[in-house]
Amino acid sequence: MKLFKFKIDAKLVCIALFIFFPLVLLSVIVAKHDVSFSENENRVLTTAADVEFDILDGKFQEGLENYLSDQFPLRNRIKGIETDMKLRWGSGCIGGAYVSDGRLFQKLLDSDVDSGKCVKYAAKVNRIAEQTGIETYVMYVPSAGTVLRNCMPYGAPMYDYDALYSSLKKELKSVHMIDLRNVLSGHPEYYYATDHHWTAAGAAAAYYEWRVAHGYELDNKDSPTVINVSDSFRGTLWSRVPSSLIGSEKLQAFELTDEVTVEADGAEISLYDYSALDTKDKYNFFEGGNHGILTVTNPKVKNGRTLMVLKDSFANSFLPCIVGDYEKIIMVDERYAFIDVGQLAVDSGADEMAVIREIISVG
């Protein structure tokens, strides 16, 4: 009789697990207000309105799966607990990021890098330099994992930066190359521990090389003053590894000495956006994030020089270093501005052009 009772209880448990519990969970998900954007992951989430009710082509099943995953109750907390457990078990790679001594590195293999597109873009830059006759500088930023090998998990593979740099250098015959490998290598303070970008200290080290390449005389006053603007920065890599075991860090910037005018895509903005410090993506402190075309005018500089920069987000935190060197700087992010950059350089009267971006980044 006891055995019979146990069997009945077991059936009830199975019914609860496989029928009742999923129905309750689905009811909770449907009843609660959908979250349309994940600030932590910096991406749009699937909502009920996004689910297509076309069963035959499979879109309904795929949409429903994405919806349930994105709107799962306590999703972020559960993910955090899961990540903590993986770290305690000694996992060295989570969510496409290497983990070592509280530092995170983006996992980038040779298969992740489209070297063909990188070479094609380098050839484009060289062609513009030759056709326009504008003096051009190229400053590729190494990914953190390629210059901080001693800080990474032992044996963790990364793409071959040296080979890629050599390939691009062959295409860039008519430009000045600024090689940052030596100055950034072995300095963990030059990169954030929870983000793939360089710190202000790293940008300042690059600025020194920038001035050397331009033939400027150097002295101590050329070094920009680094300040901390936030003590609670957690970058894009922490979003992949959202663990309570990895602490926040300081977001760095440069102390500004000149008042400049900044215009981004037709609207006036500030060089530093302090409202971004109250959000998850605090790196948007620099110019409020990425823009198609951003123009900086410094009324204190009277040298008549205009610089046009082809950039990615690494240049956002580098920009404050150079605002005192040019009367006007035009920053172009080709991911958001679909224009003929060579023609823009000519039309704007640019005296100088520069490429400032991570080496694997292409337009």
Foldseek 3Di string as FASTA:
>chain_A
DVVVVVVVVVVVVVCCVPPVVVVVQVVVLVPDDDDQADLLQGDGAQAPVNADPDPPVPSNVVSVVRHCQRSGPPNVVVLQVVLQVCVVVPDQAFLQWGDFPLFIFHAAAQVNFPLVQLQVQLLVVQVLCVVQVFAEEEEADAWPCVQEVVRTPPPRHHYDPVVSVVSSVVSNPRYHYQYCNVQPHPDPQQPDRQARAGALVVLQSSVVSVCVSVVHDDDPVLRFAKDFLDAAAHANNCSRSVYPVRGGGTHIATDADFDKWKDAPHHTDHQADSVLNVGRHVLCRGVNADGAKMKIATPVDDPAAEEEEAEHSNVSRNVSSCSNPGRMYIYGDCVHHVDDVSVVCVVVVHNYYYYYYHSSDHD
